PDB file of N, CA and C in Angstrom:
ATOM      1  N   UNK A   1       0.949  -1.155  -0.056  1.00  0.00           N
ATOM      2  CA  UNK A   1      -0.025   0.034   0.050  1.00  0.00           C
ATOM      3  C   UNK A   1       0.869   1.216  -0.075  1.00  0.00           C
ATOM      4  N   UNK A   2       2.044   1.257   0.772  1.00  0.00           N
ATOM      5  CA  UNK A   2       2.826   2.347   0.828  1.00  0.00           C
ATOM      6  C   UNK A   2       3.578   2.795  -0.432  1.00  0.00           C
ATOM      7  N   UNK A   3       3.434   2.061  -1.453  1.00  0.00           N
ATOM      8  CA  UNK A   3       4.202   2.231  -2.738  1.00  0.00           C
ATOM      9  C   UNK A   3       3.101   2.880  -3.629  1.00  0.00           C
ATOM     10  N   UNK A   4       1.973   3.080  -3.145  1.00  0.00           N
ATOM     11  CA  UNK A   4       0.867   3.931  -4.025  1.00  0.00           C
ATOM     12  C   UNK A   4       1.091   5.364  -3.751  1.00  0.00           C
ATOM     13  N   UNK A   5       0.769   6.208  -4.768  1.00  0.00           N
ATOM     14  CA  UNK A   5       0.871   7.837  -4.697  1.00  0.00           C
ATOM     15  C   UNK A   5       0.007   8.069  -3.593  1.00  0.00           C
ATOM     16  N   UNK A   6       0.647   9.023  -2.946  1.00  0.00           N
ATOM     17  CA  UNK A   6       0.019   9.556  -1.472  1.00  0.00           C
ATOM     18  C   UNK A   6      -1.465   9.904  -1.608  1.00  0.00           C
ATOM     19  N   UNK A   7      -2.064  10.380  -2.908  1.00  0.00           N
ATOM     20  CA  UNK A   7      -3.440  10.697  -3.066  1.00  0.00           C
ATOM     21  C   UNK A   7      -4.317   9.450  -3.011  1.00  0.00           C
ATOM     22  N   UNK A   8      -3.547   8.353  -3.537  1.00  0.00           N
ATOM     23  CA  UNK A   8      -4.349   7.074  -3.445  1.00  0.00           C
ATOM     24  C   UNK A   8      -4.318   6.528  -2.018  1.00  0.00           C
ATOM     25  N   UNK A   9      -3.298   6.642  -1.510  1.00  0.00           N
ATOM     26  CA  UNK A   9      -3.299   6.127   0.068  1.00  0.00           C
ATOM     27  C   UNK A   9      -4.239   6.928   0.898  1.00  0.00           C
ATOM     28  N   UNK A  10      -4.292   8.126   0.855  1.00  0.00           N
ATOM     29  CA  UNK A  10      -5.059   8.986   1.650  1.00  0.00           C
ATOM     30  C   UNK A  10      -6.516   8.596   1.371  1.00  0.00           C
ATOM     31  N   UNK A  11      -7.085   8.414   0.032  1.00  0.00           N
ATOM     32  CA  UNK A  11      -8.253   7.963  -0.195  1.00  0.00           C
ATOM     33  C   UNK A  11      -8.687   6.801   0.133  1.00  0.00           C
ATOM     34  N   UNK A  12      -7.826   5.564   0.075  1.00  0.00           N
ATOM     35  CA  UNK A  12      -8.024   4.175   0.572  1.00  0.00           C
ATOM     36  C   UNK A  12      -8.286   4.130   1.930  1.00  0.00           C
ATOM     37  N   UNK A  13      -7.602   5.275   2.769  1.00  0.00           N
ATOM     38  CA  UNK A  13      -7.785   5.259   4.285  1.00  0.00           C
ATOM     39  C   UNK A  13      -8.873   6.223   4.740  1.00  0.00           C
ATOM     40  N   UNK A  14      -9.382   7.005   3.755  1.00  0.00           N
ATOM     41  CA  UNK A  14     -10.518   8.047   4.132  1.00  0.00           C
ATOM     42  C   UNK A  14     -11.679   7.682   4.645  1.00  0.00           C
ATOM     43  N   UNK A  15     -12.328   8.561   5.360  1.00  0.00           N
ATOM     44  CA  UNK A  15     -13.672   8.287   5.923  1.00  0.00           C
ATOM     45  C   UNK A  15     -14.727   8.286   4.636  1.00  0.00           C
ATOM     46  N   UNK A  16     -14.352   9.099   3.699  1.00  0.00           N
ATOM     47  CA  UNK A  16     -15.044   9.187   2.472  1.00  0.00           C
ATOM     48  C   UNK A  16     -15.376   7.727   1.833  1.00  0.00           C
ATOM     49  N   UNK A  17     -14.231   7.113   1.700  1.00  0.00           N
ATOM     50  CA  UNK A  17     -14.299   5.631   1.186  1.00  0.00           C
ATOM     51  C   UNK A  17     -15.121   4.815   2.174  1.00  0.00           C
ATOM     52  N   UNK A  18     -14.867   4.793   3.384  1.00  0.00           N
ATOM     53  CA  UNK A  18     -15.592   4.097   4.334  1.00  0.00           C
ATOM     54  C   UNK A  18     -17.062   4.344   4.377  1.00  0.00           C
ATOM     55  N   UNK A  19     -17.425   5.752   4.144  1.00  0.00           N
ATOM     56  CA  UNK A  19     -18.786   5.825   4.299  1.00  0.00           C
ATOM     57  C   UNK A  19     -19.449   5.428   3.020  1.00  0.00           C
ATOM     58  N   UNK A  20     -18.965   5.491   1.880  1.00  0.00           N
ATOM     59  CA  UNK A  20     -19.352   4.844   0.677  1.00  0.00           C
ATOM     60  C   UNK A  20     -19.660   3.451   0.787  1.00  0.00           C
ATOM     61  N   UNK A  21     -18.723   2.784   1.419  1.00  0.00           N
ATOM     62  CA  UNK A  21     -18.673   1.175   1.499  1.00  0.00           C
ATOM     63  C   UNK A  21     -20.026   0.983   2.547  1.00  0.00           C
ATOM     64  N   UNK A  22     -20.076   1.900   3.606  1.00  0.00           N
ATOM     65  CA  UNK A  22     -21.143   1.696   4.418  1.00  0.00           C
ATOM     66  C   UNK A  22     -22.624   1.920   3.895  1.00  0.00           C
ATOM     67  N   UNK A  23     -22.622   2.847   2.836  1.00  0.00           N
ATOM     68  CA  UNK A  23     -23.709   3.325   2.110  1.00  0.00           C
ATOM     69  C   UNK A  23     -24.285   2.044   1.209  1.00  0.00           C
ATOM     70  N   UNK A  24     -23.354   1.498   0.548  1.00  0.00           N
ATOM     71  CA  UNK A  24     -23.690   0.552  -0.253  1.00  0.00           C
ATOM     72  C   UNK A  24     -23.990  -0.778   0.553  1.00  0.00           C
ATOM     73  N   UNK A  25     -23.315  -0.860   1.646  1.00  0.00           N
ATOM     74  CA  UNK A  25     -23.780  -2.325   2.437  1.00  0.00           C
ATOM     75  C   UNK A  25     -25.345  -2.079   2.827  1.00  0.00           C
ATOM     76  N   UNK A  26     -25.570  -0.710   3.477  1.00  0.00           N
ATOM     77  CA  UNK A  26     -27.064  -0.589   3.807  1.00  0.00           C
ATOM     78  C   UNK A  26     -27.996  -0.918   2.644  1.00  0.00           C
ATOM     79  N   UNK A  27     -27.679  -0.227   1.367  1.00  0.00           N
ATOM     80  CA  UNK A  27     -28.706  -0.394   0.225  1.00  0.00           C
ATOM     81  C   UNK A  27     -28.822  -1.885   0.006  1.00  0.00           C
ATOM     82  N   UNK A  28     -27.588  -2.548   0.155  1.00  0.00           N
ATOM     83  CA  UNK A  28     -27.772  -4.016  -0.222  1.00  0.00           C
ATOM     84  C   UNK A  28     -28.044  -4.886   0.969  1.00  0.00           C
ATOM     85  N   UNK A  29     -28.440  -4.194   2.035  1.00  0.00           N
ATOM     86  CA  UNK A  29     -28.882  -4.945   3.181  1.00  0.00           C
ATOM     87  C   UNK A  29     -27.586  -6.143   3.602  1.00  0.00           C
ATOM     88  N   UNK A  30     -26.473  -5.699   3.628  1.00  0.00           N
ATOM     89  CA  UNK A  30     -25.256  -6.606   4.078  1.00  0.00           C
ATOM     90  C   UNK A  30     -25.087  -6.512   5.606  1.00  0.00           C
ATOM     91  N   UNK A  31     -24.916  -7.422   6.135  1.00  0.00           N
ATOM     92  CA  UNK A  31     -24.551  -7.656   7.705  1.00  0.00           C
ATOM     93  C   UNK A  31     -23.209  -6.885   7.833  1.00  0.00           C
ATOM     94  N   UNK A  32     -23.027  -6.497   9.086  1.00  0.00           N
ATOM     95  CA  UNK A  32     -21.670  -5.921   9.507  1.00  0.00           C
ATOM     96  C   UNK A  32     -20.385  -6.738   9.114  1.00  0.00           C
ATOM     97  N   UNK A  33     -20.646  -8.163   9.222  1.00  0.00           N
ATOM     98  CA  UNK A  33     -19.556  -9.030   8.871  1.00  0.00           C
ATOM     99  C   UNK A  33     -19.288  -8.911   7.235  1.00  0.00           C
ATOM    100  N   UNK A  34     -20.336  -8.947   6.485  1.00  0.00           N
ATOM    101  CA  UNK A  34     -20.165  -8.879   5.341  1.00  0.00           C
ATOM    102  C   UNK A  34     -19.682  -7.454   4.713  1.00  0.00           C
ATOM    103  N   UNK A  35     -20.048  -6.316   5.390  1.00  0.00           N
ATOM    104  CA  UNK A  35     -19.534  -5.023   5.080  1.00  0.00           C
ATOM    105  C   UNK A  35     -18.081  -5.005   5.172  1.00  0.00           C
ATOM    106  N   UNK A  36     -17.694  -5.686   6.380  1.00  0.00           N
ATOM    107  CA  UNK A  36     -16.282  -5.717   6.522  1.00  0.00           C
ATOM    108  C   UNK A  36     -15.341  -6.464   5.372  1.00  0.00           C
ATOM    109  N   UNK A  37     -16.105  -7.514   4.748  1.00  0.00           N
ATOM    110  CA  UNK A  37     -15.516  -8.531   3.777  1.00  0.00           C
ATOM    111  C   UNK A  37     -15.306  -7.427   2.481  1.00  0.00           C
ATOM    112  N   UNK A  38     -16.767  -6.810   2.315  1.00  0.00           N
ATOM    113  CA  UNK A  38     -16.648  -5.948   1.003  1.00  0.00           C
ATOM    114  C   UNK A  38     -15.558  -4.796   1.231  1.00  0.00           C
ATOM    115  N   UNK A  39     -15.335  -4.095   2.225  1.00  0.00           N
ATOM    116  CA  UNK A  39     -14.305  -3.251   2.578  1.00  0.00           C
ATOM    117  C   UNK A  39     -12.929  -3.806   2.172  1.00  0.00           C
ATOM    118  N   UNK A  40     -12.644  -5.123   2.636  1.00  0.00           N
ATOM    119  CA  UNK A  40     -11.440  -5.646   2.375  1.00  0.00           C
ATOM    120  C   UNK A  40     -11.234  -5.895   0.878  1.00  0.00           C
ATOM    121  N   UNK A  41     -12.276  -6.273   0.101  1.00  0.00           N
ATOM    122  CA  UNK A  41     -12.273  -6.666  -1.317  1.00  0.00           C
ATOM    123  C   UNK A  41     -12.062  -5.176  -1.929  1.00  0.00           C
ATOM    124  N   UNK A  42     -12.841  -4.139  -1.693  1.00  0.00           N
ATOM    125  CA  UNK A  42     -12.545  -2.868  -2.234  1.00  0.00           C
ATOM    126  C   UNK A  42     -11.039  -2.448  -2.169  1.00  0.00           C
ATOM    127  N   UNK A  43     -10.451  -2.664  -0.963  1.00  0.00           N
ATOM    128  CA  UNK A  43      -9.160  -2.148  -0.781  1.00  0.00           C
ATOM    129  C   UNK A  43      -8.162  -3.202  -1.592  1.00  0.00           C
ATOM    130  N   UNK A  44      -8.538  -4.606  -1.804  1.00  0.00           N
ATOM    131  CA  UNK A  44      -7.592  -5.325  -2.632  1.00  0.00           C
ATOM    132  C   UNK A  44      -7.520  -4.766  -4.204  1.00  0.00           C
ATOM    133  N   UNK A  45      -8.788  -4.482  -4.441  1.00  0.00           N
ATOM    134  CA  UNK A  45      -8.847  -3.639  -5.723  1.00  0.00           C
ATOM    135  C   UNK A  45      -7.968  -2.444  -5.966  1.00  0.00           C
ATOM    136  N   UNK A  46      -8.196  -1.674  -4.982  1.00  0.00           N
ATOM    137  CA  UNK A  46      -7.700  -0.400  -4.881  1.00  0.00           C
ATOM    138  C   UNK A  46      -6.118  -0.572  -4.837  1.00  0.00           C
ATOM    139  N   UNK A  47      -5.619  -1.554  -4.333  1.00  0.00           N
ATOM    140  CA  UNK A  47      -4.188  -1.836  -4.090  1.00  0.00           C
ATOM    141  C   UNK A  47      -3.617  -2.539  -5.328  1.00  0.00           C
ATOM    142  N   UNK A  48      -4.594  -2.815  -6.347  1.00  0.00           N
ATOM    143  CA  UNK A  48      -4.228  -3.669  -7.547  1.00  0.00           C
ATOM    144  C   UNK A  48      -3.783  -5.089  -7.371  1.00  0.00           C
ATOM    145  N   UNK A  49      -4.432  -5.496  -6.125  1.00  0.00           N
ATOM    146  CA  UNK A  49      -4.061  -7.153  -5.869  1.00  0.00           C
ATOM    147  C   UNK A  49      -5.216  -8.063  -6.529  1.00  0.00           C
ATOM    148  N   UNK A  50      -6.526  -7.320  -6.770  1.00  0.00           N
ATOM    149  CA  UNK A  50      -7.492  -8.113  -7.498  1.00  0.00           C
ATOM    150  C   UNK A  50      -8.094  -7.006  -8.496  1.00  0.00           C
ATOM    151  N   UNK A  51      -8.237  -7.631  -9.682  1.00  0.00           N
ATOM    152  CA  UNK A  51      -8.887  -6.950 -10.847  1.00  0.00           C
ATOM    153  C   UNK A  51     -10.273  -6.443 -10.734  1.00  0.00           C
ATOM    154  N   UNK A  52     -10.606  -5.282 -11.124  1.00  0.00           N
ATOM    155  CA  UNK A  52     -12.066  -4.873 -11.054  1.00  0.00           C
ATOM    156  C   UNK A  52     -12.980  -5.867 -11.744  1.00  0.00           C
ATOM    157  N   UNK A  53     -12.444  -6.448 -12.762  1.00  0.00           N
ATOM    158  CA  UNK A  53     -13.485  -7.396 -13.424  1.00  0.00           C
ATOM    159  C   UNK A  53     -13.585  -8.648 -12.721  1.00  0.00           C
ATOM    160  N   UNK A  54     -12.884  -8.816 -11.750  1.00  0.00           N
ATOM    161  CA  UNK A  54     -13.147 -10.294 -11.044  1.00  0.00           C
ATOM    162  C   UNK A  54     -13.794 -10.011  -9.635  1.00  0.00           C
ATOM    163  N   UNK A  55     -14.288  -8.519  -9.393  1.00  0.00           N
ATOM    164  CA  UNK A  55     -14.789  -8.280  -8.094  1.00  0.00           C
ATOM    165  C   UNK A  55     -16.204  -9.014  -7.745  1.00  0.00           C
ATOM    166  N   UNK A  56     -17.099  -8.913  -8.926  1.00  0.00           N
ATOM    167  CA  UNK A  56     -18.297  -9.567  -8.823  1.00  0.00           C
ATOM    168  C   UNK A  56     -18.222 -11.078  -8.400  1.00  0.00           C
ATOM    169  N   UNK A  57     -17.362 -11.724  -9.119  1.00  0.00           N
ATOM    170  CA  UNK A  57     -17.336 -13.210  -8.776  1.00  0.00           C
ATOM    171  C   UNK A  57     -16.650 -13.552  -7.318  1.00  0.00           C
ATOM    172  N   UNK A  58     -15.648 -12.555  -7.024  1.00  0.00           N
ATOM    173  CA  UNK A  58     -15.343 -12.607  -5.709  1.00  0.00           C
ATOM    174  C   UNK A  58     -16.109 -12.372  -4.401  1.00  0.00           C
ATOM    175  N   UNK A  59     -17.008 -11.313  -4.770  1.00  0.00           N
ATOM    176  CA  UNK A  59     -18.049 -10.951  -3.804  1.00  0.00           C
ATOM    177  C   UNK A  59     -18.921 -12.270  -3.662  1.00  0.00           C
ATOM    178  N   UNK A  60     -19.336 -12.736  -4.864  1.00  0.00           N
ATOM    179  CA  UNK A  60     -20.503 -13.793  -4.664  1.00  0.00           C
ATOM    180  C   UNK A  60     -19.854 -15.069  -3.820  1.00  0.00           C
ATOM    181  N   UNK A  61     -18.389 -15.304  -3.906  1.00  0.00           N
ATOM    182  CA  UNK A  61     -17.877 -16.299  -3.159  1.00  0.00           C
ATOM    183  C   UNK A  61     -17.566 -15.999  -1.873  1.00  0.00           C
ATOM    184  N   UNK A  62     -17.066 -14.802  -1.446  1.00  0.00           N
ATOM    185  CA  UNK A  62     -16.691 -14.465  -0.078  1.00  0.00           C
ATOM    186  C   UNK A  62     -17.910 -13.959   0.756  1.00  0.00           C
ATOM    187  N   UNK A  63     -18.746 -13.334  -0.023  1.00  0.00           N
ATOM    188  CA  UNK A  63     -19.994 -12.935   0.709  1.00  0.00           C
ATOM    189  C   UNK A  63     -21.095 -13.958   0.990  1.00  0.00           C
ATOM    190  N   UNK A  64     -20.820 -15.000  -0.017  1.00  0.00           N
ATOM    191  CA  UNK A  64     -21.844 -16.165  -0.042  1.00  0.00           C
ATOM    192  C   UNK A  64     -23.203 -15.463  -0.689  1.00  0.00           C
ATOM    193  N   UNK A  65     -23.193 -14.757  -1.626  1.00  0.00           N
ATOM    194  CA  UNK A  65     -24.543 -14.209  -2.085  1.00  0.00           C
ATOM    195  C   UNK A  65     -24.765 -14.553  -3.496  1.00  0.00           C
ATOM    196  N   UNK A  66     -25.905 -14.422  -4.023  1.00  0.00           N
ATOM    197  CA  UNK A  66     -26.114 -14.671  -5.465  1.00  0.00           C
ATOM    198  C   UNK A  66     -25.401 -14.096  -6.460  1.00  0.00           C
ATOM    199  N   UNK A  67     -24.897 -14.574  -7.454  1.00  0.00           N
ATOM    200  CA  UNK A  67     -24.000 -13.715  -8.575  1.00  0.00           C
ATOM    201  C   UNK A  67     -24.686 -12.543  -9.050  1.00  0.00           C
ATOM    202  N   UNK A  68     -25.937 -12.574  -9.174  1.00  0.00           N
ATOM    203  CA  UNK A  68     -26.627 -11.264  -9.583  1.00  0.00           C
ATOM    204  C   UNK A  68     -26.591 -10.079  -8.557  1.00  0.00           C
ATOM    205  N   UNK A  69     -26.953 -10.561  -7.252  1.00  0.00           N
ATOM    206  CA  UNK A  69     -26.455  -9.289  -6.249  1.00  0.00           C
ATOM    207  C   UNK A  69     -25.018  -9.080  -6.210  1.00  0.00           C
ATOM    208  N   UNK A  70     -24.151  -9.967  -6.356  1.00  0.00           N
ATOM    209  CA  UNK A  70     -22.620  -9.632  -6.337  1.00  0.00           C
ATOM    210  C   UNK A  70     -22.399  -8.699  -7.534  1.00  0.00           C
ATOM    211  N   UNK A  71     -23.059  -8.882  -8.782  1.00  0.00           N
ATOM    212  CA  UNK A  71     -22.897  -8.042  -9.696  1.00  0.00           C
ATOM    213  C   UNK A  71     -23.509  -6.692  -9.513  1.00  0.00           C
ATOM    214  N   UNK A  72     -24.449  -6.613  -8.966  1.00  0.00           N
ATOM    215  CA  UNK A  72     -25.022  -5.337  -8.530  1.00  0.00           C
ATOM    216  C   UNK A  72     -24.207  -4.671  -7.582  1.00  0.00           C
ATOM    217  N   UNK A  73     -23.609  -5.098  -6.599  1.00  0.00           N
ATOM    218  CA  UNK A  73     -22.861  -4.618  -5.536  1.00  0.00           C
ATOM    219  C   UNK A  73     -21.485  -4.149  -6.400  1.00  0.00           C
ATOM    220  N   UNK A  74     -20.893  -4.928  -7.113  1.00  0.00           N
ATOM    221  CA  UNK A  74     -19.714  -4.509  -7.863  1.00  0.00           C
ATOM    222  C   UNK A  74     -20.013  -3.401  -8.870  1.00  0.00           C
ATOM    223  N   UNK A  75     -20.976  -3.155  -9.242  1.00  0.00           N
ATOM    224  CA  UNK A  75     -21.307  -2.234 -10.361  1.00  0.00           C
ATOM    225  C   UNK A  75     -21.450  -0.780  -9.461  1.00  0.00           C
ATOM    226  N   UNK A  76     -21.849  -1.047  -8.104  1.00  0.00           N
ATOM    227  CA  UNK A  76     -22.132   0.201  -7.345  1.00  0.00           C
ATOM    228  C   UNK A  76     -20.870   0.780  -6.800  1.00  0.00           C
ATOM    229  N   UNK A  77     -19.949  -0.245  -6.527  1.00  0.00           N
ATOM    230  CA  UNK A  77     -18.605   0.105  -6.044  1.00  0.00           C
ATOM    231  C   UNK A  77     -17.933   0.618  -7.177  1.00  0.00           C
ATOM    232  N   UNK A  78     -17.973   0.075  -8.397  1.00  0.00           N
ATOM    233  CA  UNK A  78     -17.458   0.807  -9.494  1.00  0.00           C
ATOM    234  C   UNK A  78     -17.889   2.343  -9.748  1.00  0.00           C
ATOM    235  N   UNK A  79     -19.147   2.425  -9.537  1.00  0.00           N
ATOM    236  CA  UNK A  79     -19.834   3.857  -9.812  1.00  0.00           C
ATOM    237  C   UNK A  79     -19.123   4.738  -8.658  1.00  0.00           C
ATOM    238  N   UNK A  80     -19.443   4.292  -7.438  1.00  0.00           N
ATOM    239  CA  UNK A  80     -19.191   5.092  -6.081  1.00  0.00           C
ATOM    240  C   UNK A  80     -17.823   5.406  -5.901  1.00  0.00           C
ATOM    241  N   UNK A  81     -16.912   4.306  -5.703  1.00  0.00           N
ATOM    242  CA  UNK A  81     -15.579   4.269  -5.237  1.00  0.00           C
ATOM    243  C   UNK A  81     -14.598   4.521  -6.556  1.00  0.00           C
ATOM    244  N   UNK A  82     -14.532   3.397  -7.403  1.00  0.00           N
ATOM    245  CA  UNK A  82     -13.539   3.459  -8.345  1.00  0.00           C
ATOM    246  C   UNK A  82     -13.491   4.420  -9.281  1.00  0.00           C
ATOM    247  N   UNK A  83     -14.672   5.143  -9.717  1.00  0.00           N
ATOM    248  CA  UNK A  83     -14.644   5.977 -10.629  1.00  0.00           C
ATOM    249  C   UNK A  83     -14.320   7.515  -9.890  1.00  0.00           C
ATOM    250  N   UNK A  84     -14.329   7.525  -8.736  1.00  0.00           N
ATOM    251  CA  UNK A  84     -14.042   8.840  -8.053  1.00  0.00           C
ATOM    252  C   UNK A  84     -12.768   8.587  -7.323  1.00  0.00           C
ATOM    253  N   UNK A  85     -11.809   7.761  -7.380  1.00  0.00           N
ATOM    254  CA  UNK A  85     -10.335   7.420  -6.713  1.00  0.00           C
ATOM    255  C   UNK A  85      -9.576   8.535  -7.519  1.00  0.00           C
ATOM    256  N   UNK A  86      -8.800   9.157  -6.561  1.00  0.00           N
ATOM    257  CA  UNK A  86      -7.949  10.101  -7.316  1.00  0.00           C
ATOM    258  C   UNK A  86      -6.720   9.467  -8.082  1.00  0.00           C
ATOM    259  N   UNK A  87      -6.459  10.015  -9.026  1.00  0.00           N
ATOM    260  CA  UNK A  87      -5.359   9.382 -10.056  1.00  0.00           C
ATOM    261  C   UNK A  87      -4.256  10.151  -9.817  1.00  0.00           C
TER     262      UNK A  87
END
């Protein structure tokens, strides 16, 4: 993580990113445990350890949710978090 540009480090650890994850979790009725897993997976993508195109599949597996719901969550994450990450 510390090899990322400072703006990306700040965003990854920001309250803004955490709030967006909480909002997505509320909308999708995710438990606190699943919200934590979602946050971890978002972090993996931001750290470039997981490809964004793999997020929906990994969410379905890790959160034990239907693929259609995982795809919806991945799309929300893409729109709310990845599209707004500082470059």
